[in-house]
Amino acid sequence: MDIASLVVQLVSGAVGGNVAGAALKNFNLGTLGNSLAGIVGGGIGGQILSAVLGGGAGAAAAGAAGGGMDLSSILTQVGGGGVGGAILMIIIGLIKSKMGKSTT
């Protein structure tokens, strides 16, 4: 894992969080909240997806270790980061909306 991969995951996570916030108004945390949740979720989601799809073994790892980034690894990072960011933003938005409701 190099720094360029992590940056791609974090940026796509922020974008994914903001897209999910715009699409799901009831879970929206605001631009800053969506971005922060997306960045954290993007980092986590990107790492998980890279591990599941074999980012740690085989030719993709050899290319990453050599400093090269191929199209499939970039798309995996963008997809994992974006989806991870959107999912974490929705989870946090759901928790926030449930905590805001009173039971009285």
PDB file of N, CA and C in Angstrom:
ATOM      1  N   MET A   1       0.851  -1.175   0.000  1.00  0.00           N
ATOM      2  CA  MET A   1       0.000   0.000   0.000  1.00  0.00           C
ATOM      3  C   MET A   1       0.896   1.236   0.000  1.00  0.00           C
ATOM      4  N   ASP A   2       0.709   2.078  -0.963  1.00  0.00           N
ATOM      5  CA  ASP A   2       1.471   3.311  -1.024  1.00  0.00           C
ATOM      6  C   ASP A   2       0.562   4.499  -0.736  1.00  0.00           C
ATOM      7  N   ILE A   3       1.142   5.644  -0.614  1.00  0.00           N
ATOM      8  CA  ILE A   3       0.401   6.848  -0.237  1.00  0.00           C
ATOM      9  C   ILE A   3      -0.580   7.273  -1.326  1.00  0.00           C
ATOM     10  N   ALA A   4      -0.238   7.036  -2.586  1.00  0.00           N
ATOM     11  CA  ALA A   4      -1.144   7.412  -3.680  1.00  0.00           C
ATOM     12  C   ALA A   4      -2.443   6.616  -3.607  1.00  0.00           C
ATOM     13  N   SER A   5      -2.358   5.335  -3.279  1.00  0.00           N
ATOM     14  CA  SER A   5      -3.559   4.507  -3.138  1.00  0.00           C
ATOM     15  C   SER A   5      -4.432   5.011  -2.011  1.00  0.00           C
ATOM     16  N   LEU A   6      -3.809   5.354  -0.900  1.00  0.00           N
ATOM     17  CA  LEU A   6      -4.568   5.854   0.247  1.00  0.00           C
ATOM     18  C   LEU A   6      -5.251   7.179  -0.071  1.00  0.00           C
ATOM     19  N   VAL A   7      -4.568   8.059  -0.774  1.00  0.00           N
ATOM     20  CA  VAL A   7      -5.165   9.347  -1.147  1.00  0.00           C
ATOM     21  C   VAL A   7      -6.369   9.140  -2.065  1.00  0.00           C
ATOM     22  N   VAL A   8      -6.253   8.218  -3.014  1.00  0.00           N
ATOM     23  CA  VAL A   8      -7.371   7.927  -3.911  1.00  0.00           C
ATOM     24  C   VAL A   8      -8.559   7.412  -3.103  1.00  0.00           C
ATOM     25  N   GLN A   9      -8.315   6.527  -2.141  1.00  0.00           N
ATOM     26  CA  GLN A   9      -9.390   5.992  -1.310  1.00  0.00           C
ATOM     27  C   GLN A   9     -10.044   7.076  -0.460  1.00  0.00           C
ATOM     28  N   LEU A  10      -9.260   7.952   0.128  1.00  0.00           N
ATOM     29  CA  LEU A  10      -9.805   8.997   0.988  1.00  0.00           C
ATOM     30  C   LEU A  10     -10.621  10.014   0.198  1.00  0.00           C
ATOM     31  N   VAL A  11     -10.111  10.416  -0.961  1.00  0.00           N
ATOM     32  CA  VAL A  11     -10.833  11.389  -1.786  1.00  0.00           C
ATOM     33  C   VAL A  11     -12.129  10.782  -2.313  1.00  0.00           C
ATOM     34  N   SER A  12     -12.063   9.544  -2.781  1.00  0.00           N
ATOM     35  CA  SER A  12     -13.291   8.922  -3.281  1.00  0.00           C
ATOM     36  C   SER A  12     -14.269   8.655  -2.143  1.00  0.00           C
ATOM     37  N   GLY A  13     -13.778   8.429  -0.945  1.00  0.00           N
ATOM     38  CA  GLY A  13     -14.655   8.288   0.211  1.00  0.00           C
ATOM     39  C   GLY A  13     -15.387   9.581   0.528  1.00  0.00           C
ATOM     40  N   ALA A  14     -14.680  10.703   0.467  1.00  0.00           N
ATOM     41  CA  ALA A  14     -15.317  11.996   0.701  1.00  0.00           C
ATOM     42  C   ALA A  14     -16.385  12.269  -0.353  1.00  0.00           C
ATOM     43  N   VAL A  15     -16.084  11.954  -1.593  1.00  0.00           N
ATOM     44  CA  VAL A  15     -17.065  12.131  -2.669  1.00  0.00           C
ATOM     45  C   VAL A  15     -18.260  11.213  -2.448  1.00  0.00           C
ATOM     46  N   GLY A  16     -18.000   9.958  -2.088  1.00  0.00           N
ATOM     47  CA  GLY A  16     -19.084   9.009  -1.833  1.00  0.00           C
ATOM     48  C   GLY A  16     -19.969   9.439  -0.684  1.00  0.00           C
ATOM     49  N   GLY A  17     -19.382   9.973   0.367  1.00  0.00           N
ATOM     50  CA  GLY A  17     -20.159  10.469   1.497  1.00  0.00           C
ATOM     51  C   GLY A  17     -21.044  11.635   1.113  1.00  0.00           C
ATOM     52  N   ASN A  18     -20.529  12.542   0.316  1.00  0.00           N
ATOM     53  CA  ASN A  18     -21.323  13.700  -0.107  1.00  0.00           C
ATOM     54  C   ASN A  18     -22.414  13.319  -1.105  1.00  0.00           C
ATOM     55  N   VAL A  19     -22.124  12.372  -1.983  1.00  0.00           N
ATOM     56  CA  VAL A  19     -23.142  11.913  -2.928  1.00  0.00           C
ATOM     57  C   VAL A  19     -24.278  11.218  -2.173  1.00  0.00           C
ATOM     58  N   ALA A  20     -23.919  10.377  -1.208  1.00  0.00           N
ATOM     59  CA  ALA A  20     -24.949   9.699  -0.413  1.00  0.00           C
ATOM     60  C   ALA A  20     -25.752  10.707   0.410  1.00  0.00           C
ATOM     61  N   GLY A  21     -25.103  11.725   0.941  1.00  0.00           N
ATOM     62  CA  GLY A  21     -25.808  12.750   1.699  1.00  0.00           C
ATOM     63  C   GLY A  21     -26.763  13.547   0.837  1.00  0.00           C
ATOM     64  N   ALA A  22     -26.368  13.813  -0.397  1.00  0.00           N
ATOM     65  CA  ALA A  22     -27.253  14.539  -1.310  1.00  0.00           C
ATOM     66  C   ALA A  22     -28.424  13.667  -1.750  1.00  0.00           C
ATOM     67  N   ALA A  23     -28.182  12.378  -1.907  1.00  0.00           N
ATOM     68  CA  ALA A  23     -29.242  11.477  -2.362  1.00  0.00           C
ATOM     69  C   ALA A  23     -30.215  11.118  -1.245  1.00  0.00           C
ATOM     70  N   LEU A  24     -29.717  11.015  -0.036  1.00  0.00           N
ATOM     71  CA  LEU A  24     -30.543  10.613   1.107  1.00  0.00           C
ATOM     72  C   LEU A  24     -30.615  11.760   2.110  1.00  0.00           C
ATOM     73  N   LYS A  25     -31.525  12.668   1.874  1.00  0.00           N
ATOM     74  CA  LYS A  25     -31.614  13.895   2.676  1.00  0.00           C
ATOM     75  C   LYS A  25     -31.854  13.622   4.161  1.00  0.00           C
ATOM     76  N   ASN A  26     -32.558  12.548   4.502  1.00  0.00           N
ATOM     77  CA  ASN A  26     -32.850  12.282   5.911  1.00  0.00           C
ATOM     78  C   ASN A  26     -31.625  11.788   6.682  1.00  0.00           C
ATOM     79  N   PHE A  27     -30.554  11.378   6.000  1.00  0.00           N
ATOM     80  CA  PHE A  27     -29.322  10.959   6.660  1.00  0.00           C
ATOM     81  C   PHE A  27     -28.196  11.973   6.479  1.00  0.00           C
ATOM     82  N   ASN A  28     -28.483  13.099   5.838  1.00  0.00           N
ATOM     83  CA  ASN A  28     -27.478  14.104   5.520  1.00  0.00           C
ATOM     84  C   ASN A  28     -26.876  14.679   6.796  1.00  0.00           C
ATOM     85  N   LEU A  29     -25.563  14.779   6.845  1.00  0.00           N
ATOM     86  CA  LEU A  29     -24.844  15.321   7.995  1.00  0.00           C
ATOM     87  C   LEU A  29     -24.284  16.715   7.716  1.00  0.00           C
ATOM     88  N   GLY A  30     -24.605  17.278   6.577  1.00  0.00           N
ATOM     89  CA  GLY A  30     -23.992  18.527   6.155  1.00  0.00           C
ATOM     90  C   GLY A  30     -22.725  18.218   5.375  1.00  0.00           C
ATOM     91  N   THR A  31     -22.240  19.196   4.670  1.00  0.00           N
ATOM     92  CA  THR A  31     -21.075  18.967   3.807  1.00  0.00           C
ATOM     93  C   THR A  31     -19.854  18.505   4.596  1.00  0.00           C
ATOM     94  N   LEU A  32     -19.560  19.150   5.705  1.00  0.00           N
ATOM     95  CA  LEU A  32     -18.391  18.774   6.499  1.00  0.00           C
ATOM     96  C   LEU A  32     -18.567  17.396   7.118  1.00  0.00           C
ATOM     97  N   GLY A  33     -19.738  17.127   7.679  1.00  0.00           N
ATOM     98  CA  GLY A  33     -19.997  15.822   8.284  1.00  0.00           C
ATOM     99  C   GLY A  33     -19.962  14.701   7.263  1.00  0.00           C
ATOM    100  N   ASN A  34     -20.568  14.941   6.106  1.00  0.00           N
ATOM    101  CA  ASN A  34     -20.541  13.939   5.038  1.00  0.00           C
ATOM    102  C   ASN A  34     -19.107  13.668   4.585  1.00  0.00           C
ATOM    103  N   SER A  35     -18.321  14.730   4.459  1.00  0.00           N
ATOM    104  CA  SER A  35     -16.933  14.575   4.009  1.00  0.00           C
ATOM    105  C   SER A  35     -16.101  13.814   5.024  1.00  0.00           C
ATOM    106  N   LEU A  36     -16.223  14.174   6.306  1.00  0.00           N
ATOM    107  CA  LEU A  36     -15.434  13.495   7.340  1.00  0.00           C
ATOM    108  C   LEU A  36     -15.811  12.024   7.463  1.00  0.00           C
ATOM    109  N   ALA A  37     -17.109  11.738   7.482  1.00  0.00           N
ATOM    110  CA  ALA A  37     -17.546  10.341   7.548  1.00  0.00           C
ATOM    111  C   ALA A  37     -17.095   9.599   6.294  1.00  0.00           C
ATOM    112  N   GLY A  38     -17.169  10.254   5.154  1.00  0.00           N
ATOM    113  CA  GLY A  38     -16.741   9.632   3.908  1.00  0.00           C
ATOM    114  C   GLY A  38     -15.258   9.350   3.866  1.00  0.00           C
ATOM    115  N   ILE A  39     -14.459  10.254   4.391  1.00  0.00           N
ATOM    116  CA  ILE A  39     -13.006  10.054   4.411  1.00  0.00           C
ATOM    117  C   ILE A  39     -12.653   8.842   5.270  1.00  0.00           C
ATOM    118  N   VAL A  40     -13.233   8.755   6.455  1.00  0.00           N
ATOM    119  CA  VAL A  40     -12.955   7.612   7.329  1.00  0.00           C
ATOM    120  C   VAL A  40     -13.470   6.319   6.694  1.00  0.00           C
ATOM    121  N   GLY A  41     -14.700   6.355   6.200  1.00  0.00           N
ATOM    122  CA  GLY A  41     -15.268   5.175   5.558  1.00  0.00           C
ATOM    123  C   GLY A  41     -14.530   4.795   4.297  1.00  0.00           C
ATOM    124  N   GLY A  42     -14.048   5.781   3.558  1.00  0.00           N
ATOM    125  CA  GLY A  42     -13.291   5.500   2.345  1.00  0.00           C
ATOM    126  C   GLY A  42     -11.982   4.792   2.629  1.00  0.00           C
ATOM    127  N   GLY A  43     -11.296   5.225   3.660  1.00  0.00           N
ATOM    128  CA  GLY A  43     -10.046   4.564   4.046  1.00  0.00           C
ATOM    129  C   GLY A  43     -10.282   3.137   4.475  1.00  0.00           C
ATOM    130  N   ILE A  44     -11.301   2.935   5.292  1.00  0.00           N
ATOM    131  CA  ILE A  44     -11.612   1.584   5.774  1.00  0.00           C
ATOM    132  C   ILE A  44     -12.140   0.710   4.634  1.00  0.00           C
ATOM    133  N   GLY A  45     -13.109   1.234   3.886  1.00  0.00           N
ATOM    134  CA  GLY A  45     -13.706   0.460   2.801  1.00  0.00           C
ATOM    135  C   GLY A  45     -12.710   0.111   1.706  1.00  0.00           C
ATOM    136  N   GLY A  46     -11.846   1.042   1.386  1.00  0.00           N
ATOM    137  CA  GLY A  46     -10.832   0.783   0.368  1.00  0.00           C
ATOM    138  C   GLY A  46      -9.858  -0.304   0.787  1.00  0.00           C
ATOM    139  N   GLN A  47      -9.474  -0.293   2.046  1.00  0.00           N
ATOM    140  CA  GLN A  47      -8.568  -1.324   2.549  1.00  0.00           C
ATOM    141  C   GLN A  47      -9.231  -2.694   2.547  1.00  0.00           C
ATOM    142  N   ILE A  48     -10.491  -2.740   2.963  1.00  0.00           N
ATOM    143  CA  ILE A  48     -11.209  -4.017   3.006  1.00  0.00           C
ATOM    144  C   ILE A  48     -11.384  -4.574   1.597  1.00  0.00           C
ATOM    145  N   LEU A  49     -11.827  -3.736   0.662  1.00  0.00           N
ATOM    146  CA  LEU A  49     -12.046  -4.213  -0.696  1.00  0.00           C
ATOM    147  C   LEU A  49     -10.740  -4.639  -1.361  1.00  0.00           C
ATOM    148  N   SER A  50      -9.670  -3.920  -1.112  1.00  0.00           N
ATOM    149  CA  SER A  50      -8.376  -4.313  -1.680  1.00  0.00           C
ATOM    150  C   SER A  50      -7.933  -5.663  -1.142  1.00  0.00           C
ATOM    151  N   ALA A  51      -8.179  -5.906   0.143  1.00  0.00           N
ATOM    152  CA  ALA A  51      -7.801  -7.190   0.737  1.00  0.00           C
ATOM    153  C   ALA A  51      -8.672  -8.321   0.200  1.00  0.00           C
ATOM    154  N   VAL A  52      -9.964  -8.063   0.047  1.00  0.00           N
ATOM    155  CA  VAL A  52     -10.880  -9.095  -0.429  1.00  0.00           C
ATOM    156  C   VAL A  52     -10.613  -9.447  -1.888  1.00  0.00           C
ATOM    157  N   LEU A  53     -10.340  -8.457  -2.707  1.00  0.00           N
ATOM    158  CA  LEU A  53     -10.122  -8.707  -4.129  1.00  0.00           C
ATOM    159  C   LEU A  53      -8.694  -9.121  -4.457  1.00  0.00           C
ATOM    160  N   GLY A  54      -7.898  -9.385  -3.453  1.00  0.00           N
ATOM    161  CA  GLY A  54      -6.560  -9.903  -3.703  1.00  0.00           C
ATOM    162  C   GLY A  54      -5.520  -8.839  -3.901  1.00  0.00           C
ATOM    163  N   GLY A  55      -5.720  -7.656  -3.324  1.00  0.00           N
ATOM    164  CA  GLY A  55      -4.720  -6.610  -3.440  1.00  0.00           C
ATOM    165  C   GLY A  55      -3.435  -6.963  -2.719  1.00  0.00           C
ATOM    166  N   GLY A  56      -3.464  -7.974  -1.856  1.00  0.00           N
ATOM    167  CA  GLY A  56      -2.280  -8.344  -1.101  1.00  0.00           C
ATOM    168  C   GLY A  56      -1.480  -9.471  -1.723  1.00  0.00           C
ATOM    169  N   ALA A  57      -1.927 -10.003  -2.842  1.00  0.00           N
ATOM    170  CA  ALA A  57      -1.217 -11.141  -3.426  1.00  0.00           C
ATOM    171  C   ALA A  57      -1.241 -11.058  -4.953  1.00  0.00           C
ATOM    172  N   GLY A  58      -0.326 -11.739  -5.565  1.00  0.00           N
ATOM    173  CA  GLY A  58      -0.347 -11.880  -7.018  1.00  0.00           C
ATOM    174  C   GLY A  58       0.256 -10.713  -7.764  1.00  0.00           C
ATOM    175  N   ALA A  59      -0.159 -10.584  -9.020  1.00  0.00           N
ATOM    176  CA  ALA A  59       0.417  -9.592  -9.927  1.00  0.00           C
ATOM    177  C   ALA A  59       0.090  -8.174  -9.512  1.00  0.00           C
ATOM    178  N   ALA A  60      -1.111  -7.964  -8.934  1.00  0.00           N
ATOM    179  CA  ALA A  60      -1.480  -6.610  -8.510  1.00  0.00           C
ATOM    180  C   ALA A  60      -0.548  -6.128  -7.410  1.00  0.00           C
ATOM    181  N   ALA A  61      -0.206  -6.995  -6.484  1.00  0.00           N
ATOM    182  CA  ALA A  61       0.717  -6.622  -5.410  1.00  0.00           C
ATOM    183  C   ALA A  61       2.112  -6.373  -5.961  1.00  0.00           C
ATOM    184  N   ALA A  62       2.510  -7.160  -6.929  1.00  0.00           N
ATOM    185  CA  ALA A  62       3.833  -6.960  -7.527  1.00  0.00           C
ATOM    186  C   ALA A  62       3.898  -5.618  -8.238  1.00  0.00           C
ATOM    187  N   GLY A  63       2.824  -5.253  -8.918  1.00  0.00           N
ATOM    188  CA  GLY A  63       2.792  -3.952  -9.583  1.00  0.00           C
ATOM    189  C   GLY A  63       2.773  -2.809  -8.588  1.00  0.00           C
ATOM    190  N   ALA A  64       2.018  -2.972  -7.503  1.00  0.00           N
ATOM    191  CA  ALA A  64       1.955  -1.923  -6.482  1.00  0.00           C
ATOM    192  C   ALA A  64       3.291  -1.799  -5.771  1.00  0.00           C
ATOM    193  N   ALA A  65       3.962  -2.922  -5.528  1.00  0.00           N
ATOM    194  CA  ALA A  65       5.253  -2.875  -4.851  1.00  0.00           C
ATOM    195  C   ALA A  65       6.296  -2.195  -5.724  1.00  0.00           C
ATOM    196  N   GLY A  66       6.138  -2.322  -7.020  1.00  0.00           N
ATOM    197  CA  GLY A  66       7.075  -1.692  -7.942  1.00  0.00           C
ATOM    198  C   GLY A  66       6.767  -0.237  -8.189  1.00  0.00           C
ATOM    199  N   GLY A  67       5.704   0.267  -7.606  1.00  0.00           N
ATOM    200  CA  GLY A  67       5.360   1.666  -7.773  1.00  0.00           C
ATOM    201  C   GLY A  67       4.356   1.914  -8.881  1.00  0.00           C
ATOM    202  N   GLY A  68       4.001   0.887  -9.675  1.00  0.00           N
ATOM    203  CA  GLY A  68       3.050   1.051 -10.762  1.00  0.00           C
ATOM    204  C   GLY A  68       1.631   0.874 -10.282  1.00  0.00           C
ATOM    205  N   MET A  69       0.716   1.646 -10.859  1.00  0.00           N
ATOM    206  CA  MET A  69      -0.698   1.500 -10.536  1.00  0.00           C
ATOM    207  C   MET A  69      -1.425   1.246 -11.843  1.00  0.00           C
ATOM    208  N   ASP A  70      -2.064   0.087 -11.939  1.00  0.00           N
ATOM    209  CA  ASP A  70      -2.808  -0.213 -13.142  1.00  0.00           C
ATOM    210  C   ASP A  70      -4.259   0.237 -12.974  1.00  0.00           C
ATOM    211  N   LEU A  71      -5.009   0.201 -14.064  1.00  0.00           N
ATOM    212  CA  LEU A  71      -6.377   0.702 -14.067  1.00  0.00           C
ATOM    213  C   LEU A  71      -7.273  -0.073 -13.117  1.00  0.00           C
ATOM    214  N   SER A  72      -7.102  -1.379 -13.055  1.00  0.00           N
ATOM    215  CA  SER A  72      -7.969  -2.180 -12.183  1.00  0.00           C
ATOM    216  C   SER A  72      -7.747  -1.854 -10.712  1.00  0.00           C
ATOM    217  N   SER A  73      -6.522  -1.613 -10.310  1.00  0.00           N
ATOM    218  CA  SER A  73      -6.275  -1.278  -8.906  1.00  0.00           C
ATOM    219  C   SER A  73      -6.819   0.114  -8.575  1.00  0.00           C
ATOM    220  N   ILE A  74      -6.735   1.043  -9.507  1.00  0.00           N
ATOM    221  CA  ILE A  74      -7.286   2.381  -9.279  1.00  0.00           C
ATOM    222  C   ILE A  74      -8.808   2.308  -9.166  1.00  0.00           C
ATOM    223  N   LEU A  75      -9.446   1.545 -10.056  1.00  0.00           N
ATOM    224  CA  LEU A  75     -10.905   1.401  -9.990  1.00  0.00           C
ATOM    225  C   LEU A  75     -11.340   0.706  -8.707  1.00  0.00           C
ATOM    226  N   THR A  76     -10.569  -0.255  -8.236  1.00  0.00           N
ATOM    227  CA  THR A  76     -10.870  -0.931  -6.972  1.00  0.00           C
ATOM    228  C   THR A  76     -10.788   0.049  -5.818  1.00  0.00           C
ATOM    229  N   GLN A  77      -9.773   0.897  -5.829  1.00  0.00           N
ATOM    230  CA  GLN A  77      -9.612   1.883  -4.763  1.00  0.00           C
ATOM    231  C   GLN A  77     -10.730   2.916  -4.786  1.00  0.00           C
ATOM    232  N   VAL A  78     -11.097   3.384  -5.972  1.00  0.00           N
ATOM    233  CA  VAL A  78     -12.177   4.365  -6.095  1.00  0.00           C
ATOM    234  C   VAL A  78     -13.504   3.742  -5.664  1.00  0.00           C
ATOM    235  N   GLY A  79     -13.771   2.534  -6.131  1.00  0.00           N
ATOM    236  CA  GLY A  79     -15.013   1.860  -5.765  1.00  0.00           C
ATOM    237  C   GLY A  79     -15.095   1.566  -4.285  1.00  0.00           C
ATOM    238  N   GLY A  80     -14.050   0.999  -3.731  1.00  0.00           N
ATOM    239  CA  GLY A  80     -14.035   0.690  -2.298  1.00  0.00           C
ATOM    240  C   GLY A  80     -14.123   1.932  -1.436  1.00  0.00           C
ATOM    241  N   GLY A  81     -13.397   2.966  -1.818  1.00  0.00           N
ATOM    242  CA  GLY A  81     -13.440   4.217  -1.063  1.00  0.00           C
ATOM    243  C   GLY A  81     -14.799   4.893  -1.139  1.00  0.00           C
ATOM    244  N   GLY A  82     -15.359   4.962  -2.335  1.00  0.00           N
ATOM    245  CA  GLY A  82     -16.658   5.612  -2.509  1.00  0.00           C
ATOM    246  C   GLY A  82     -17.774   4.886  -1.803  1.00  0.00           C
ATOM    247  N   VAL A  83     -17.819   3.585  -1.955  1.00  0.00           N
ATOM    248  CA  VAL A  83     -18.867   2.798  -1.303  1.00  0.00           C
ATOM    249  C   VAL A  83     -18.675   2.805   0.207  1.00  0.00           C
ATOM    250  N   GLY A  84     -17.434   2.648   0.664  1.00  0.00           N
ATOM    251  CA  GLY A  84     -17.164   2.681   2.102  1.00  0.00           C
ATOM    252  C   GLY A  84     -17.545   4.018   2.721  1.00  0.00           C
ATOM    253  N   GLY A  85     -17.237   5.107   2.026  1.00  0.00           N
ATOM    254  CA  GLY A  85     -17.606   6.436   2.514  1.00  0.00           C
ATOM    255  C   GLY A  85     -19.107   6.629   2.583  1.00  0.00           C
ATOM    256  N   ALA A  86     -19.811   6.161   1.567  1.00  0.00           N
ATOM    257  CA  ALA A  86     -21.271   6.285   1.548  1.00  0.00           C
ATOM    258  C   ALA A  86     -21.900   5.453   2.655  1.00  0.00           C
ATOM    259  N   ILE A  87     -21.420   4.240   2.839  1.00  0.00           N
ATOM    260  CA  ILE A  87     -21.995   3.365   3.869  1.00  0.00           C
ATOM    261  C   ILE A  87     -21.780   3.928   5.261  1.00  0.00           C
ATOM    262  N   LEU A  88     -20.570   4.386   5.560  1.00  0.00           N
ATOM    263  CA  LEU A  88     -20.314   4.936   6.896  1.00  0.00           C
ATOM    264  C   LEU A  88     -21.114   6.210   7.128  1.00  0.00           C
ATOM    265  N   MET A  89     -21.263   7.051   6.106  1.00  0.00           N
ATOM    266  CA  MET A  89     -22.064   8.264   6.251  1.00  0.00           C
ATOM    267  C   MET A  89     -23.514   7.912   6.548  1.00  0.00           C
ATOM    268  N   ILE A  90     -24.059   6.903   5.878  1.00  0.00           N
ATOM    269  CA  ILE A  90     -25.442   6.489   6.115  1.00  0.00           C
ATOM    270  C   ILE A  90     -25.599   5.924   7.524  1.00  0.00           C
ATOM    271  N   ILE A  91     -24.641   5.128   7.982  1.00  0.00           N
ATOM    272  CA  ILE A  91     -24.711   4.563   9.330  1.00  0.00           C
ATOM    273  C   ILE A  91     -24.693   5.666  10.367  1.00  0.00           C
ATOM    274  N   ILE A  92     -23.792   6.628  10.221  1.00  0.00           N
ATOM    275  CA  ILE A  92     -23.720   7.735  11.175  1.00  0.00           C
ATOM    276  C   ILE A  92     -24.980   8.589  11.107  1.00  0.00           C
ATOM    277  N   GLY A  93     -25.486   8.840   9.899  1.00  0.00           N
ATOM    278  CA  GLY A  93     -26.727   9.595   9.749  1.00  0.00           C
ATOM    279  C   GLY A  93     -27.911   8.887  10.382  1.00  0.00           C
ATOM    280  N   LEU A  94     -27.959   7.570  10.256  1.00  0.00           N
ATOM    281  CA  LEU A  94     -29.033   6.785  10.871  1.00  0.00           C
ATOM    282  C   LEU A  94     -28.955   6.867  12.386  1.00  0.00           C
ATOM    283  N   ILE A  95     -27.764   6.724  12.934  1.00  0.00           N
ATOM    284  CA  ILE A  95     -27.583   6.830  14.385  1.00  0.00           C
ATOM    285  C   ILE A  95     -27.977   8.218  14.869  1.00  0.00           C
ATOM    286  N   LYS A  96     -27.552   9.242  14.133  1.00  0.00           N
ATOM    287  CA  LYS A  96     -27.880  10.619  14.514  1.00  0.00           C
ATOM    288  C   LYS A  96     -29.387  10.846  14.479  1.00  0.00           C
ATOM    289  N   SER A  97     -30.061  10.348  13.464  1.00  0.00           N
ATOM    290  CA  SER A  97     -31.510  10.558  13.365  1.00  0.00           C
ATOM    291  C   SER A  97     -32.250   9.800  14.459  1.00  0.00           C
ATOM    292  N   LYS A  98     -31.787   8.626  14.837  1.00  0.00           N
ATOM    293  CA  LYS A  98     -32.422   7.854  15.915  1.00  0.00           C
ATOM    294  C   LYS A  98     -32.182   8.495  17.274  1.00  0.00           C
ATOM    295  N   MET A  99     -31.024   9.092  17.474  1.00  0.00           N
ATOM    296  CA  MET A  99     -30.726   9.750  18.748  1.00  0.00           C
ATOM    297  C   MET A  99     -31.493  11.053  18.893  1.00  0.00           C
ATOM    298  N   GLY A 100     -31.823  11.673  17.786  1.00  0.00           N
ATOM    299  CA  GLY A 100     -32.548  12.937  17.828  1.00  0.00           C
ATOM    300  C   GLY A 100     -34.016  12.790  18.163  1.00  0.00           C
ATOM    301  N   LYS A 101     -34.565  11.600  17.965  1.00  0.00           N
ATOM    302  CA  LYS A 101     -35.977  11.370  18.261  1.00  0.00           C
ATOM    303  C   LYS A 101     -36.160  11.082  19.726  1.00  0.00           C
ATOM    304  N   SER A 102     -37.163  11.713  20.316  1.00  0.00           N
ATOM    305  CA  SER A 102     -37.429  11.470  21.731  1.00  0.00           C
ATOM    306  C   SER A 102     -38.477  10.376  21.857  1.00  0.00           C
ATOM    307  N   THR A 103     -38.400   9.627  22.940  1.00  0.00           N
ATOM    308  CA  THR A 103     -39.328   8.510  23.152  1.00  0.00           C
ATOM    309  C   THR A 103     -40.496   8.888  24.046  1.00  0.00           C
ATOM    310  N   THR A 104     -40.669  10.167  24.362  1.00  0.00           N
ATOM    311  CA  THR A 104     -41.757  10.580  25.254  1.00  0.00           C
ATOM    312  C   THR A 104     -43.021  10.813  24.514  1.00  0.00           C
TER     313      THR A 104
END
